[in-house]
Amino acid sequence: MAAGILCLVATPGLRAQEVVTVPCDGDTVVGTYCYVDNDDHSWLWISDCGAPIFLHFISGMIESNAFDQVVIYDGSENTAPVLYQNGSNPATVDLAGVQAVGTSGYLFMQMTSNPTTCCATEGLLPTDGQWQWTWVVNDGTVGIAEAPRNGFTLFPNPATEEMTIRPAATMQGTTQVEILDALGRMVLQGQFTPAANAEGSVDLRGLRNGTYTVMLSTPGGKQERHLLVIQ
């Protein structure tokens, strides 16, 4: 009897239902979605020049991952490294403020939902549950969050071993610094007191490569978030 031939075929990742090319002109692109019951949807965002893509959720609600799930990957399909996924606590997750960086030049997002409580029907109303996000591509000419908001800039970004915080000359008082990982867990904290033309340095050598959120809190109660990539 002739020996049988066993063929091994690689299983490809899920192909995206929506494919969006994000231009490398520095302009912000806005996207929205209101998911339905028994939803199964995926997106692929592609940098037009291969530079990193920065995703920021402005608003949106989703149930815990026991019912509905959203996962964001650093790559072109759902076999790439995971950057974010909603958790199980609380029961309804607020996506506002979620950030991810596709260092590969791609971002893949996949979501599924159960038969109840979605944005388009009962439970999560479209007015408060609809997802809204922005994308922008860093073409290498500027760093992430280089334009100051409450008066801080971070550089270099992406960073390797050290990050520098530069406040505006008008900033005064002790500033609290917290660095959160992609799951929202605090992995580093400290403080510094800005002075005129002074900068503060943060040692990043204890952190793994990936995407982080830097939270700055001033004595006046103002808070500022910056996206930081460590590579």
Protein backbone atom coordinates (compact mmCIF):
# COMPACT_ATOMS: atom_id res chain seq x y z
CA MET A 1 0.00 0.00 0.00
CA ALA A 2 1.37 3.38 -0.91
CA ALA A 3 2.16 5.69 1.95
CA GLY A 4 -0.29 8.51 2.46
CA ILE A 5 0.81 12.11 1.98
CA LEU A 6 0.00 14.53 4.77
CA CYS A 7 -0.42 18.13 3.64
CA LEU A 8 0.02 20.86 6.25
CA VAL A 9 -1.71 24.12 5.41
CA ALA A 10 -1.18 27.25 7.46
CA THR A 11 -4.41 28.78 8.75
CA PRO A 12 -4.51 32.47 7.83
CA GLY A 13 -5.75 35.14 10.23
CA LEU A 14 -9.19 36.63 9.83
CA ARG A 15 -9.50 39.09 6.97
CA ALA A 16 -10.91 42.49 7.86
CA GLN A 17 -14.39 43.50 6.73
CA GLU A 18 -13.36 47.16 6.62
CA VAL A 19 -9.98 48.22 5.27
CA VAL A 20 -8.93 51.87 5.67
CA THR A 21 -5.70 53.40 4.41
CA VAL A 22 -4.58 56.23 6.71
CA PRO A 23 -2.60 58.92 4.84
CA CYS A 24 0.80 60.03 6.11
CA ASP A 25 -0.04 63.72 6.00
CA GLY A 26 -0.37 64.21 9.76
CA ASP A 27 -4.11 64.89 9.53
CA THR A 28 -6.45 63.17 11.99
CA VAL A 29 -8.98 60.71 10.55
CA VAL A 30 -12.21 60.04 12.47
CA GLY A 31 -14.14 56.77 12.58
CA THR A 32 -17.40 55.68 14.27
CA TYR A 33 -19.32 52.46 14.85
CA CYS A 34 -22.47 51.44 16.72
CA TYR A 35 -22.45 47.68 17.18
CA VAL A 36 -25.56 45.48 17.09
CA ASP A 37 -26.69 42.21 18.71
CA ASN A 38 -24.76 39.13 17.56
CA ASP A 39 -22.24 41.39 15.86
CA ASP A 40 -18.95 40.12 14.42
CA HIS A 41 -16.96 42.91 12.82
CA SER A 42 -13.33 43.66 12.07
CA TRP A 43 -11.24 46.55 10.80
CA LEU A 44 -7.80 46.84 9.24
CA TRP A 45 -6.06 50.23 9.22
CA ILE A 46 -3.01 50.58 7.02
CA SER A 47 -0.40 53.33 7.18
CA ASP A 48 0.07 54.78 3.70
CA CYS A 49 3.85 55.05 4.22
CA GLY A 50 4.50 52.17 6.63
CA ALA A 51 4.97 54.47 9.64
CA PRO A 52 3.24 53.75 12.99
CA ILE A 53 -0.51 54.36 13.26
CA PHE A 54 -1.86 55.97 16.44
CA LEU A 55 -5.41 55.07 17.48
CA HIS A 56 -7.31 57.01 20.14
CA PHE A 57 -10.87 56.30 21.32
CA ILE A 58 -12.81 59.49 22.01
CA SER A 59 -15.93 57.72 23.29
CA GLY A 60 -17.75 54.40 23.31
CA MET A 61 -19.13 51.70 25.58
CA ILE A 62 -18.96 47.91 25.49
CA GLU A 63 -20.05 45.18 27.87
CA SER A 64 -17.43 43.14 29.71
CA ASN A 65 -15.60 40.48 27.75
CA ALA A 66 -17.87 37.82 29.22
CA PHE A 67 -20.54 39.13 26.82
CA ASP A 68 -19.00 41.41 24.19
CA GLN A 69 -15.35 41.58 23.15
CA VAL A 70 -13.06 44.00 21.37
CA VAL A 71 -9.39 43.26 20.70
CA ILE A 72 -6.81 45.48 18.97
CA TYR A 73 -3.71 43.94 17.38
CA ASP A 74 -0.38 45.40 16.23
CA GLY A 75 -0.47 43.87 12.77
CA SER A 76 -2.61 43.09 9.75
CA GLU A 77 -4.65 40.24 11.28
CA ASN A 78 -5.73 38.66 14.55
CA THR A 79 -2.57 36.58 14.92
CA ALA A 80 -0.50 39.71 15.67
CA PRO A 81 0.50 40.87 19.19
CA VAL A 82 -2.44 42.11 21.27
CA LEU A 83 -2.37 45.81 22.19
CA TYR A 84 -5.73 46.07 23.98
CA GLN A 85 -8.72 43.96 24.97
CA ASN A 86 -11.67 44.86 27.18
CA GLY A 87 -11.77 43.24 30.58
CA SER A 88 -14.42 41.63 32.78
CA ASN A 89 -14.68 44.35 35.40
CA PRO A 90 -16.66 46.59 35.44
CA ALA A 91 -19.69 45.06 33.71
CA THR A 92 -19.71 47.87 31.12
CA VAL A 93 -16.37 49.21 29.89
CA ASP A 94 -15.89 52.84 28.87
CA LEU A 95 -13.58 52.88 25.85
CA ALA A 96 -12.93 56.63 26.03
CA GLY A 97 -9.19 57.20 26.36
CA VAL A 98 -8.13 53.78 25.03
CA GLN A 99 -5.02 54.22 22.88
CA ALA A 100 -2.95 51.88 20.75
CA VAL A 101 0.00 52.22 18.40
CA GLY A 102 0.47 49.99 15.38
CA THR A 103 4.25 50.04 15.23
CA SER A 104 4.07 47.64 12.29
CA GLY A 105 2.23 50.21 10.18
CA TYR A 106 -0.98 48.20 10.63
CA LEU A 107 -3.75 48.03 13.24
CA PHE A 108 -6.31 45.23 13.27
CA MET A 109 -9.44 45.47 15.48
CA GLN A 110 -12.00 42.72 15.96
CA MET A 111 -15.23 42.79 17.98
CA THR A 112 -18.02 40.33 18.75
CA SER A 113 -21.23 40.72 20.76
CA ASN A 114 -23.90 38.50 22.30
CA PRO A 115 -27.68 38.69 21.60
CA THR A 116 -28.42 41.43 24.17
CA THR A 117 -27.36 44.89 25.33
CA CYS A 118 -25.62 46.61 22.45
CA CYS A 119 -25.16 50.13 21.18
CA ALA A 120 -27.95 49.94 18.58
CA THR A 121 -30.68 48.44 20.80
CA GLU A 122 -31.37 48.24 24.51
CA GLY A 123 -28.89 48.82 27.30
CA LEU A 124 -26.27 50.98 25.63
CA LEU A 125 -27.97 53.86 23.84
CA PRO A 126 -26.36 55.20 20.64
CA THR A 127 -25.94 58.61 22.28
CA ASP A 128 -23.58 57.26 24.94
CA GLY A 129 -22.56 53.88 23.57
CA GLN A 130 -21.44 54.68 20.03
CA TRP A 131 -17.74 54.23 19.39
CA GLN A 132 -15.77 57.16 18.05
CA TRP A 133 -12.05 57.11 17.44
CA THR A 134 -9.30 58.94 15.59
CA TRP A 135 -6.22 57.75 13.73
CA VAL A 136 -3.10 59.64 12.79
CA VAL A 137 0.15 58.44 11.20
CA ASN A 138 3.55 59.55 12.47
CA ASP A 139 5.76 59.81 9.41
CA GLY A 140 8.90 60.42 11.46
CA THR A 141 8.90 64.21 11.15
CA VAL A 142 7.41 64.76 14.62
CA GLY A 143 7.09 62.78 17.83
CA ILE A 144 3.85 61.56 19.33
CA ALA A 145 1.99 64.23 21.31
CA GLU A 146 4.66 66.76 20.48
CA ALA A 147 2.20 69.65 20.67
CA PRO A 148 1.70 70.61 24.34
CA ARG A 149 -1.80 70.59 25.77
CA ASN A 150 -1.72 71.77 29.40
CA GLY A 151 1.91 72.73 28.92
CA PHE A 152 3.91 69.47 28.73
CA THR A 153 5.76 67.70 25.94
CA LEU A 154 7.38 64.26 26.03
CA PHE A 155 10.40 63.22 23.99
CA PRO A 156 11.87 61.16 22.46
CA ASN A 157 8.78 59.26 21.41
CA PRO A 158 9.20 56.38 20.62
CA ALA A 159 11.67 56.06 23.50
CA THR A 160 14.19 53.41 24.51
CA GLU A 161 15.87 53.80 27.91
CA GLU A 162 14.78 57.28 28.99
CA MET A 163 11.98 59.79 28.50
CA THR A 164 12.22 63.54 29.03
CA ILE A 165 9.31 65.68 30.25
CA ARG A 166 9.46 69.34 29.28
CA PRO A 167 6.94 71.70 30.93
CA ALA A 168 6.00 75.15 29.72
CA ALA A 169 7.85 77.99 31.46
CA THR A 170 4.65 78.97 33.28
CA MET A 171 4.17 75.57 34.94
CA GLN A 172 4.84 75.52 38.69
CA GLY A 173 4.42 73.10 41.58
CA THR A 174 5.01 69.40 42.03
CA THR A 175 3.70 67.30 39.15
CA GLN A 176 2.72 63.67 39.63
CA VAL A 177 3.79 61.28 36.86
CA GLU A 178 2.19 57.85 36.35
CA ILE A 179 2.85 55.41 33.50
CA LEU A 180 0.11 52.88 32.68
CA ASP A 181 0.42 49.77 30.52
CA ALA A 182 -2.03 48.79 27.75
CA LEU A 183 -4.35 47.19 30.34
CA GLY A 184 -4.49 50.36 32.45
CA ARG A 185 -2.20 49.05 35.22
CA MET A 186 0.25 51.50 36.79
CA VAL A 187 3.79 50.29 36.16
CA LEU A 188 5.80 53.36 37.15
CA GLN A 189 5.19 56.51 39.17
CA GLY A 190 7.12 59.51 40.41
CA GLN A 191 7.06 63.29 40.64
CA PHE A 192 9.06 66.35 39.73
CA THR A 193 8.85 70.10 40.27
CA PRO A 194 9.00 72.12 37.05
CA ALA A 195 11.18 75.20 36.95
CA ALA A 196 11.80 77.71 34.19
CA ASN A 197 13.39 75.92 31.21
CA ALA A 198 13.85 72.78 33.37
CA GLU A 199 13.20 69.22 32.21
CA GLY A 200 12.55 66.00 34.09
CA SER A 201 13.93 62.61 33.06
CA VAL A 202 12.23 59.25 33.61
CA ASP A 203 14.20 55.99 33.55
CA LEU A 204 12.30 53.47 31.38
CA ARG A 205 14.77 50.59 31.49
CA GLY A 206 12.52 48.52 33.76
CA LEU A 207 9.64 48.53 31.27
CA ARG A 208 9.08 46.17 28.38
CA ASN A 209 8.69 47.34 24.80
CA GLY A 210 5.14 48.35 23.99
CA THR A 211 2.54 51.10 24.21
CA TYR A 212 1.96 53.05 27.43
CA THR A 213 -0.07 56.00 28.67
CA VAL A 214 1.74 58.74 30.61
CA MET A 215 -0.52 60.60 33.06
CA LEU A 216 0.59 64.00 34.39
CA SER A 217 -1.30 65.62 37.28
CA THR A 218 -0.58 69.22 38.30
CA PRO A 219 -1.20 70.81 41.73
CA GLY A 220 -4.13 72.72 40.21
CA GLY A 221 -5.96 69.48 39.48
CA LYS A 222 -5.31 69.41 35.74
CA GLN A 223 -4.58 66.04 34.20
CA GLU A 224 -2.91 65.33 30.89
CA ARG A 225 -2.43 62.04 29.04
CA HIS A 226 0.24 61.31 26.47
CA LEU A 227 0.76 58.17 24.43
CA LEU A 228 4.27 56.71 24.77
CA VAL A 229 5.90 53.93 22.76
CA ILE A 230 8.92 52.10 24.19
CA GLN A 231 11.01 50.13 21.71
